[in-house]
Amino acid sequence: MHAYATDFVALPGGFGTFDELFETVTLRQLGYHQKPIIVLNIGGYYDPLLALFQHAVTQGYIGAAHIQICRVATTVQQAMTLLEEIGEKGL
């Protein structure tokens, strides 16, 4: 999946989605790819996870710069706009 994708969008889902999201974020953090990662936070689904990310930064387990690896969109249109902007600017 990582070799063939141009970008990643995590929709609301279960453990499989969480697994793929964490793997994709980790691979980017380690420098294996520089592809955009968008979390589609429809209806606040990912709010608890995003709060956990922020808590991990506060506690010193995630570097503040790494919190920016995932971009967050609340609508499909916003996700598409983010992907277009990222594509125009590069990462």
PDB file of N, CA and C in Angstrom:
ATOM      1  N   MET A   1       0.820  -1.186   0.000  1.00  0.00           N
ATOM      2  CA  MET A   1       0.000   0.000   0.000  1.00  0.00           C
ATOM      3  C   MET A   1       0.870   1.257   0.000  1.00  0.00           C
ATOM      4  N   HIS A   2       1.871   1.303   0.823  1.00  0.00           N
ATOM      5  CA  HIS A   2       2.687   2.504   0.942  1.00  0.00           C
ATOM      6  C   HIS A   2       3.479   2.789  -0.328  1.00  0.00           C
ATOM      7  N   ALA A   3       3.897   1.752  -1.016  1.00  0.00           N
ATOM      8  CA  ALA A   3       4.693   1.938  -2.224  1.00  0.00           C
ATOM      9  C   ALA A   3       3.872   2.507  -3.373  1.00  0.00           C
ATOM     10  N   TYR A   4       2.586   2.203  -3.419  1.00  0.00           N
ATOM     11  CA  TYR A   4       1.763   2.577  -4.563  1.00  0.00           C
ATOM     12  C   TYR A   4       0.914   3.818  -4.339  1.00  0.00           C
ATOM     13  N   ALA A   5       0.721   4.228  -3.110  1.00  0.00           N
ATOM     14  CA  ALA A   5      -0.142   5.373  -2.810  1.00  0.00           C
ATOM     15  C   ALA A   5       0.594   6.689  -3.064  1.00  0.00           C
ATOM     16  N   THR A   6      -0.169   7.712  -3.418  1.00  0.00           N
ATOM     17  CA  THR A   6       0.403   9.056  -3.529  1.00  0.00           C
ATOM     18  C   THR A   6       0.100   9.877  -2.286  1.00  0.00           C
ATOM     19  N   ASP A   7      -0.936   9.483  -1.556  1.00  0.00           N
ATOM     20  CA  ASP A   7      -1.312  10.125  -0.308  1.00  0.00           C
ATOM     21  C   ASP A   7      -2.224   9.175   0.459  1.00  0.00           C
ATOM     22  N   PHE A   8      -2.490   9.517   1.722  1.00  0.00           N
ATOM     23  CA  PHE A   8      -3.287   8.643   2.584  1.00  0.00           C
ATOM     24  C   PHE A   8      -4.378   9.457   3.264  1.00  0.00           C
ATOM     25  N   VAL A   9      -5.585   8.909   3.256  1.00  0.00           N
ATOM     26  CA  VAL A   9      -6.705   9.532   3.953  1.00  0.00           C
ATOM     27  C   VAL A   9      -7.319   8.473   4.853  1.00  0.00           C
ATOM     28  N   ALA A  10      -7.317   8.730   6.156  1.00  0.00           N
ATOM     29  CA  ALA A  10      -7.909   7.799   7.121  1.00  0.00           C
ATOM     30  C   ALA A  10      -9.339   8.229   7.394  1.00  0.00           C
ATOM     31  N   LEU A  11     -10.283   7.392   7.002  1.00  0.00           N
ATOM     32  CA  LEU A  11     -11.690   7.623   7.296  1.00  0.00           C
ATOM     33  C   LEU A  11     -12.013   6.990   8.641  1.00  0.00           C
ATOM     34  N   PRO A  12     -13.144   7.343   9.233  1.00  0.00           N
ATOM     35  CA  PRO A  12     -13.523   6.675  10.476  1.00  0.00           C
ATOM     36  C   PRO A  12     -13.563   5.161  10.280  1.00  0.00           C
ATOM     37  N   GLY A  13     -13.030   4.429  11.242  1.00  0.00           N
ATOM     38  CA  GLY A  13     -12.985   2.977  11.141  1.00  0.00           C
ATOM     39  C   GLY A  13     -12.614   2.353  12.470  1.00  0.00           C
ATOM     40  N   GLY A  14     -12.273   1.084  12.397  1.00  0.00           N
ATOM     41  CA  GLY A  14     -11.963   0.319  13.598  1.00  0.00           C
ATOM     42  C   GLY A  14     -10.482   0.027  13.729  1.00  0.00           C
ATOM     43  N   PHE A  15     -10.190  -1.104  14.357  1.00  0.00           N
ATOM     44  CA  PHE A  15      -8.799  -1.457  14.653  1.00  0.00           C
ATOM     45  C   PHE A  15      -7.923  -1.539  13.407  1.00  0.00           C
ATOM     46  N   GLY A  16      -8.460  -2.073  12.323  1.00  0.00           N
ATOM     47  CA  GLY A  16      -7.673  -2.162  11.088  1.00  0.00           C
ATOM     48  C   GLY A  16      -7.276  -0.785  10.579  1.00  0.00           C
ATOM     49  N   THR A  17      -8.213   0.141  10.631  1.00  0.00           N
ATOM     50  CA  THR A  17      -7.934   1.513  10.215  1.00  0.00           C
ATOM     51  C   THR A  17      -6.901   2.150  11.131  1.00  0.00           C
ATOM     52  N   PHE A  18      -7.058   1.948  12.436  1.00  0.00           N
ATOM     53  CA  PHE A  18      -6.087   2.493  13.386  1.00  0.00           C
ATOM     54  C   PHE A  18      -4.697   1.925  13.106  1.00  0.00           C
ATOM     55  N   ASP A  19      -4.619   0.629  12.859  1.00  0.00           N
ATOM     56  CA  ASP A  19      -3.345  -0.026  12.581  1.00  0.00           C
ATOM     57  C   ASP A  19      -2.677   0.591  11.355  1.00  0.00           C
ATOM     58  N   GLU A  20      -3.438   0.735  10.280  1.00  0.00           N
ATOM     59  CA  GLU A  20      -2.877   1.301   9.053  1.00  0.00           C
ATOM     60  C   GLU A  20      -2.462   2.755   9.257  1.00  0.00           C
ATOM     61  N   LEU A  21      -3.269   3.510   9.989  1.00  0.00           N
ATOM     62  CA  LEU A  21      -2.930   4.909  10.252  1.00  0.00           C
ATOM     63  C   LEU A  21      -1.630   5.011  11.043  1.00  0.00           C
ATOM     64  N   PHE A  22      -1.520   4.244  12.117  1.00  0.00           N
ATOM     65  CA  PHE A  22      -0.310   4.301  12.936  1.00  0.00           C
ATOM     66  C   PHE A  22       0.918   3.834  12.157  1.00  0.00           C
ATOM     67  N   GLU A  23       0.764   2.796  11.352  1.00  0.00           N
ATOM     68  CA  GLU A  23       1.895   2.326  10.548  1.00  0.00           C
ATOM     69  C   GLU A  23       2.330   3.398   9.557  1.00  0.00           C
ATOM     70  N   THR A  24       1.369   4.016   8.899  1.00  0.00           N
ATOM     71  CA  THR A  24       1.671   5.039   7.907  1.00  0.00           C
ATOM     72  C   THR A  24       2.342   6.249   8.552  1.00  0.00           C
ATOM     73  N   VAL A  25       1.847   6.665   9.705  1.00  0.00           N
ATOM     74  CA  VAL A  25       2.448   7.788  10.428  1.00  0.00           C
ATOM     75  C   VAL A  25       3.866   7.432  10.873  1.00  0.00           C
ATOM     76  N   THR A  26       4.040   6.238  11.402  1.00  0.00           N
ATOM     77  CA  THR A  26       5.364   5.817  11.870  1.00  0.00           C
ATOM     78  C   THR A  26       6.365   5.769  10.723  1.00  0.00           C
ATOM     79  N   LEU A  27       5.957   5.224   9.585  1.00  0.00           N
ATOM     80  CA  LEU A  27       6.860   5.162   8.433  1.00  0.00           C
ATOM     81  C   LEU A  27       7.249   6.559   7.955  1.00  0.00           C
ATOM     82  N   ARG A  28       6.316   7.470   8.009  1.00  0.00           N
ATOM     83  CA  ARG A  28       6.648   8.854   7.634  1.00  0.00           C
ATOM     84  C   ARG A  28       7.596   9.461   8.663  1.00  0.00           C
ATOM     85  N   GLN A  29       7.320   9.243   9.939  1.00  0.00           N
ATOM     86  CA  GLN A  29       8.174   9.778  11.002  1.00  0.00           C
ATOM     87  C   GLN A  29       9.607   9.271  10.848  1.00  0.00           C
ATOM     88  N   LEU A  30       9.747   8.022  10.436  1.00  0.00           N
ATOM     89  CA  LEU A  30      11.071   7.419  10.273  1.00  0.00           C
ATOM     90  C   LEU A  30      11.724   7.753   8.936  1.00  0.00           C
ATOM     91  N   GLY A  31      10.999   8.482   8.078  1.00  0.00           N
ATOM     92  CA  GLY A  31      11.578   8.921   6.813  1.00  0.00           C
ATOM     93  C   GLY A  31      11.433   7.962   5.652  1.00  0.00           C
ATOM     94  N   TYR A  32      10.593   6.940   5.775  1.00  0.00           N
ATOM     95  CA  TYR A  32      10.407   5.984   4.686  1.00  0.00           C
ATOM     96  C   TYR A  32       9.537   6.532   3.565  1.00  0.00           C
ATOM     97  N   HIS A  33       8.748   7.553   3.843  1.00  0.00           N
ATOM     98  CA  HIS A  33       7.981   8.234   2.801  1.00  0.00           C
ATOM     99  C   HIS A  33       7.691   9.652   3.276  1.00  0.00           C
ATOM    100  N   GLN A  34       7.300  10.501   2.330  1.00  0.00           N
ATOM    101  CA  GLN A  34       6.944  11.889   2.643  1.00  0.00           C
ATOM    102  C   GLN A  34       5.559  12.219   2.099  1.00  0.00           C
ATOM    103  N   LYS A  35       4.724  11.213   2.007  1.00  0.00           N
ATOM    104  CA  LYS A  35       3.392  11.389   1.430  1.00  0.00           C
ATOM    105  C   LYS A  35       2.441  11.984   2.467  1.00  0.00           C
ATOM    106  N   PRO A  36       1.493  12.804   2.000  1.00  0.00           N
ATOM    107  CA  PRO A  36       0.545  13.419   2.932  1.00  0.00           C
ATOM    108  C   PRO A  36      -0.346  12.392   3.620  1.00  0.00           C
ATOM    109  N   ILE A  37      -0.664  12.676   4.874  1.00  0.00           N
ATOM    110  CA  ILE A  37      -1.579  11.840   5.656  1.00  0.00           C
ATOM    111  C   ILE A  37      -2.683  12.752   6.179  1.00  0.00           C
ATOM    112  N   ILE A  38      -3.903  12.465   5.763  1.00  0.00           N
ATOM    113  CA  ILE A  38      -5.060  13.247   6.183  1.00  0.00           C
ATOM    114  C   ILE A  38      -5.939  12.362   7.059  1.00  0.00           C
ATOM    115  N   VAL A  39      -6.330  12.875   8.208  1.00  0.00           N
ATOM    116  CA  VAL A  39      -7.296  12.195   9.070  1.00  0.00           C
ATOM    117  C   VAL A  39      -8.641  12.873   8.838  1.00  0.00           C
ATOM    118  N   LEU A  40      -9.601  12.125   8.318  1.00  0.00           N
ATOM    119  CA  LEU A  40     -10.932  12.663   8.045  1.00  0.00           C
ATOM    120  C   LEU A  40     -11.775  12.511   9.306  1.00  0.00           C
ATOM    121  N   ASN A  41     -11.864  13.593  10.045  1.00  0.00           N
ATOM    122  CA  ASN A  41     -12.482  13.605  11.371  1.00  0.00           C
ATOM    123  C   ASN A  41     -13.961  14.003  11.276  1.00  0.00           C
ATOM    124  N   ILE A  42     -14.732  13.192  10.606  1.00  0.00           N
ATOM    125  CA  ILE A  42     -16.154  13.480  10.399  1.00  0.00           C
ATOM    126  C   ILE A  42     -16.907  13.318  11.715  1.00  0.00           C
ATOM    127  N   GLY A  43     -17.679  14.339  12.055  1.00  0.00           N
ATOM    128  CA  GLY A  43     -18.490  14.286  13.271  1.00  0.00           C
ATOM    129  C   GLY A  43     -17.677  14.165  14.545  1.00  0.00           C
ATOM    130  N   GLY A  44     -16.397  14.546  14.491  1.00  0.00           N
ATOM    131  CA  GLY A  44     -15.548  14.470  15.677  1.00  0.00           C
ATOM    132  C   GLY A  44     -15.106  13.061  16.032  1.00  0.00           C
ATOM    133  N   TYR A  45     -15.245  12.116  15.073  1.00  0.00           N
ATOM    134  CA  TYR A  45     -14.912  10.721  15.355  1.00  0.00           C
ATOM    135  C   TYR A  45     -13.505  10.571  15.933  1.00  0.00           C
ATOM    136  N   TYR A  46     -12.547  11.277  15.359  1.00  0.00           N
ATOM    137  CA  TYR A  46     -11.154  11.120  15.782  1.00  0.00           C
ATOM    138  C   TYR A  46     -10.741  12.081  16.902  1.00  0.00           C
ATOM    139  N   ASP A  47     -11.666  12.870  17.438  1.00  0.00           N
ATOM    140  CA  ASP A  47     -11.308  13.811  18.509  1.00  0.00           C
ATOM    141  C   ASP A  47     -10.572  13.142  19.673  1.00  0.00           C
ATOM    142  N   PRO A  48     -11.037  11.997  20.190  1.00  0.00           N
ATOM    143  CA  PRO A  48     -10.303  11.366  21.299  1.00  0.00           C
ATOM    144  C   PRO A  48      -8.881  10.941  20.907  1.00  0.00           C
ATOM    145  N   LEU A  49      -8.709  10.452  19.688  1.00  0.00           N
ATOM    146  CA  LEU A  49      -7.380  10.038  19.238  1.00  0.00           C
ATOM    147  C   LEU A  49      -6.473  11.255  19.075  1.00  0.00           C
ATOM    148  N   LEU A  50      -7.000  12.321  18.509  1.00  0.00           N
ATOM    149  CA  LEU A  50      -6.210  13.539  18.347  1.00  0.00           C
ATOM    150  C   LEU A  50      -5.835  14.129  19.703  1.00  0.00           C
ATOM    151  N   ALA A  51      -6.739  14.032  20.670  1.00  0.00           N
ATOM    152  CA  ALA A  51      -6.431  14.482  22.032  1.00  0.00           C
ATOM    153  C   ALA A  51      -5.326  13.620  22.644  1.00  0.00           C
ATOM    154  N   LEU A  52      -5.351  12.326  22.355  1.00  0.00           N
ATOM    155  CA  LEU A  52      -4.293  11.435  22.841  1.00  0.00           C
ATOM    156  C   LEU A  52      -2.948  11.820  22.230  1.00  0.00           C
ATOM    157  N   PHE A  53      -2.934  12.134  20.936  1.00  0.00           N
ATOM    158  CA  PHE A  53      -1.697  12.588  20.294  1.00  0.00           C
ATOM    159  C   PHE A  53      -1.155  13.821  21.025  1.00  0.00           C
ATOM    160  N   GLN A  54      -2.028  14.781  21.288  1.00  0.00           N
ATOM    161  CA  GLN A  54      -1.603  16.004  21.969  1.00  0.00           C
ATOM    162  C   GLN A  54      -1.110  15.699  23.384  1.00  0.00           C
ATOM    163  N   HIS A  55      -1.783  14.790  24.065  1.00  0.00           N
ATOM    164  CA  HIS A  55      -1.358  14.381  25.409  1.00  0.00           C
ATOM    165  C   HIS A  55       0.041  13.760  25.358  1.00  0.00           C
ATOM    166  N   ALA A  56       0.298  12.944  24.341  1.00  0.00           N
ATOM    167  CA  ALA A  56       1.619  12.321  24.200  1.00  0.00           C
ATOM    168  C   ALA A  56       2.697  13.374  23.952  1.00  0.00           C
ATOM    169  N   VAL A  57       2.360  14.433  23.233  1.00  0.00           N
ATOM    170  CA  VAL A  57       3.304  15.538  23.038  1.00  0.00           C
ATOM    171  C   VAL A  57       3.576  16.219  24.374  1.00  0.00           C
ATOM    172  N   THR A  58       2.510  16.524  25.102  1.00  0.00           N
ATOM    173  CA  THR A  58       2.638  17.183  26.408  1.00  0.00           C
ATOM    174  C   THR A  58       3.486  16.361  27.367  1.00  0.00           C
ATOM    175  N   GLN A  59       3.341  15.048  27.306  1.00  0.00           N
ATOM    176  CA  GLN A  59       4.084  14.154  28.191  1.00  0.00           C
ATOM    177  C   GLN A  59       5.498  13.863  27.686  1.00  0.00           C
ATOM    178  N   GLY A  60       5.816  14.314  26.480  1.00  0.00           N
ATOM    179  CA  GLY A  60       7.161  14.145  25.947  1.00  0.00           C
ATOM    180  C   GLY A  60       7.403  12.859  25.176  1.00  0.00           C
ATOM    181  N   TYR A  61       6.352  12.142  24.823  1.00  0.00           N
ATOM    182  CA  TYR A  61       6.518  10.885  24.091  1.00  0.00           C
ATOM    183  C   TYR A  61       6.485  11.071  22.576  1.00  0.00           C
ATOM    184  N   ILE A  62       5.896  12.156  22.128  1.00  0.00           N
ATOM    185  CA  ILE A  62       5.871  12.496  20.707  1.00  0.00           C
ATOM    186  C   ILE A  62       6.443  13.898  20.587  1.00  0.00           C
ATOM    187  N   GLY A  63       7.378  14.075  19.655  1.00  0.00           N
ATOM    188  CA  GLY A  63       7.937  15.402  19.439  1.00  0.00           C
ATOM    189  C   GLY A  63       6.890  16.353  18.878  1.00  0.00           C
ATOM    190  N   ALA A  64       6.952  17.606  19.284  1.00  0.00           N
ATOM    191  CA  ALA A  64       5.960  18.590  18.843  1.00  0.00           C
ATOM    192  C   ALA A  64       5.894  18.681  17.322  1.00  0.00           C
ATOM    193  N   ALA A  65       7.019  18.556  16.647  1.00  0.00           N
ATOM    194  CA  ALA A  65       7.024  18.625  15.181  1.00  0.00           C
ATOM    195  C   ALA A  65       6.290  17.443  14.560  1.00  0.00           C
ATOM    196  N   HIS A  66       6.309  16.312  15.217  1.00  0.00           N
ATOM    197  CA  HIS A  66       5.680  15.114  14.656  1.00  0.00           C
ATOM    198  C   HIS A  66       4.159  15.157  14.712  1.00  0.00           C
ATOM    199  N   ILE A  67       3.607  15.999  15.549  1.00  0.00           N
ATOM    200  CA  ILE A  67       2.149  16.100  15.625  1.00  0.00           C
ATOM    201  C   ILE A  67       1.592  16.623  14.301  1.00  0.00           C
ATOM    202  N   GLN A  68       2.433  17.301  13.522  1.00  0.00           N
ATOM    203  CA  GLN A  68       2.008  17.856  12.239  1.00  0.00           C
ATOM    204  C   GLN A  68       2.040  16.840  11.103  1.00  0.00           C
ATOM    205  N   ILE A  69       2.475  15.629  11.373  1.00  0.00           N
ATOM    206  CA  ILE A  69       2.512  14.600  10.328  1.00  0.00           C
ATOM    207  C   ILE A  69       1.120  14.352   9.776  1.00  0.00           C
ATOM    208  N   CYS A  70       0.132  14.316  10.652  1.00  0.00           N
ATOM    209  CA  CYS A  70      -1.262  14.125  10.226  1.00  0.00           C
ATOM    210  C   CYS A  70      -1.930  15.478  10.090  1.00  0.00           C
ATOM    211  N   ARG A  71      -2.507  15.707   8.939  1.00  0.00           N
ATOM    212  CA  ARG A  71      -3.359  16.885   8.765  1.00  0.00           C
ATOM    213  C   ARG A  71      -4.783  16.432   9.025  1.00  0.00           C
ATOM    214  N   VAL A  72      -5.612  17.295   9.567  1.00  0.00           N
ATOM    215  CA  VAL A  72      -6.973  16.927   9.945  1.00  0.00           C
ATOM    216  C   VAL A  72      -7.969  17.707   9.101  1.00  0.00           C
ATOM    217  N   ALA A  73      -8.942  16.986   8.566  1.00  0.00           N
ATOM    218  CA  ALA A  73     -10.050  17.593   7.828  1.00  0.00           C
ATOM    219  C   ALA A  73     -11.351  17.113   8.454  1.00  0.00           C
ATOM    220  N   THR A  74     -12.358  17.957   8.422  1.00  0.00           N
ATOM    221  CA  THR A  74     -13.652  17.575   8.995  1.00  0.00           C
ATOM    222  C   THR A  74     -14.701  17.281   7.933  1.00  0.00           C
ATOM    223  N   THR A  75     -14.369  17.543   6.669  1.00  0.00           N
ATOM    224  CA  THR A  75     -15.263  17.211   5.557  1.00  0.00           C
ATOM    225  C   THR A  75     -14.436  16.635   4.418  1.00  0.00           C
ATOM    226  N   VAL A  76     -15.107  15.936   3.533  1.00  0.00           N
ATOM    227  CA  VAL A  76     -14.417  15.393   2.358  1.00  0.00           C
ATOM    228  C   VAL A  76     -13.856  16.538   1.522  1.00  0.00           C
ATOM    229  N   GLN A  77     -14.638  17.589   1.344  1.00  0.00           N
ATOM    230  CA  GLN A  77     -14.168  18.738   0.557  1.00  0.00           C
ATOM    231  C   GLN A  77     -12.914  19.351   1.170  1.00  0.00           C
ATOM    232  N   GLN A  78     -12.887  19.471   2.490  1.00  0.00           N
ATOM    233  CA  GLN A  78     -11.703  20.017   3.155  1.00  0.00           C
ATOM    234  C   GLN A  78     -10.499  19.097   2.949  1.00  0.00           C
ATOM    235  N   ALA A  79     -10.712  17.797   2.996  1.00  0.00           N
ATOM    236  CA  ALA A  79      -9.621  16.843   2.748  1.00  0.00           C
ATOM    237  C   ALA A  79      -9.089  17.008   1.330  1.00  0.00           C
ATOM    238  N   MET A  80      -9.988  17.141   0.364  1.00  0.00           N
ATOM    239  CA  MET A  80      -9.570  17.319  -1.026  1.00  0.00           C
ATOM    240  C   MET A  80      -8.793  18.627  -1.192  1.00  0.00           C
ATOM    241  N   THR A  81      -9.254  19.678  -0.546  1.00  0.00           N
ATOM    242  CA  THR A  81      -8.556  20.962  -0.609  1.00  0.00           C
ATOM    243  C   THR A  81      -7.160  20.854  -0.004  1.00  0.00           C
ATOM    244  N   LEU A  82      -7.047  20.191   1.139  1.00  0.00           N
ATOM    245  CA  LEU A  82      -5.729  19.988   1.758  1.00  0.00           C
ATOM    246  C   LEU A  82      -4.796  19.235   0.826  1.00  0.00           C
ATOM    247  N   LEU A  83      -5.302  18.182   0.199  1.00  0.00           N
ATOM    248  CA  LEU A  83      -4.471  17.400  -0.715  1.00  0.00           C
ATOM    249  C   LEU A  83      -4.029  18.240  -1.906  1.00  0.00           C
ATOM    250  N   GLU A  84      -4.918  19.076  -2.426  1.00  0.00           N
ATOM    251  CA  GLU A  84      -4.548  19.958  -3.536  1.00  0.00           C
ATOM    252  C   GLU A  84      -3.482  20.956  -3.102  1.00  0.00           C
ATOM    253  N   GLU A  85      -3.659  21.553  -1.926  1.00  0.00           N
ATOM    254  CA  GLU A  85      -2.681  22.518  -1.416  1.00  0.00           C
ATOM    255  C   GLU A  85      -1.325  21.865  -1.190  1.00  0.00           C
ATOM    256  N   ILE A  86      -1.340  20.687  -0.615  1.00  0.00           N
ATOM    257  CA  ILE A  86      -0.091  19.966  -0.369  1.00  0.00           C
ATOM    258  C   ILE A  86       0.582  19.629  -1.691  1.00  0.00           C
ATOM    259  N   GLY A  87      -0.215  19.207  -2.663  1.00  0.00           N
ATOM    260  CA  GLY A  87       0.331  18.882  -3.979  1.00  0.00           C
ATOM    261  C   GLY A  87       0.965  20.079  -4.663  1.00  0.00           C
ATOM    262  N   GLU A  88       0.368  21.247  -4.497  1.00  0.00           N
ATOM    263  CA  GLU A  88       0.904  22.464  -5.106  1.00  0.00           C
ATOM    264  C   GLU A  88       2.184  22.924  -4.421  1.00  0.00           C
ATOM    265  N   LYS A  89       2.227  22.819  -3.095  1.00  0.00           N
ATOM    266  CA  LYS A  89       3.374  23.293  -2.322  1.00  0.00           C
ATOM    267  C   LYS A  89       4.469  22.249  -2.207  1.00  0.00           C
ATOM    268  N   GLY A  90       4.095  20.987  -2.353  1.00  0.00           N
ATOM    269  CA  GLY A  90       5.005  19.919  -1.984  1.00  0.00           C
ATOM    270  C   GLY A  90       4.954  19.787  -0.473  1.00  0.00           C
ATOM    271  N   LEU A  91       5.654  18.835   0.067  1.00  0.00           N
ATOM    272  CA  LEU A  91       5.627  18.639   1.516  1.00  0.00           C
ATOM    273  C   LEU A  91       6.639  19.556   2.137  1.00  0.00           C
TER     274      LEU A  91
END
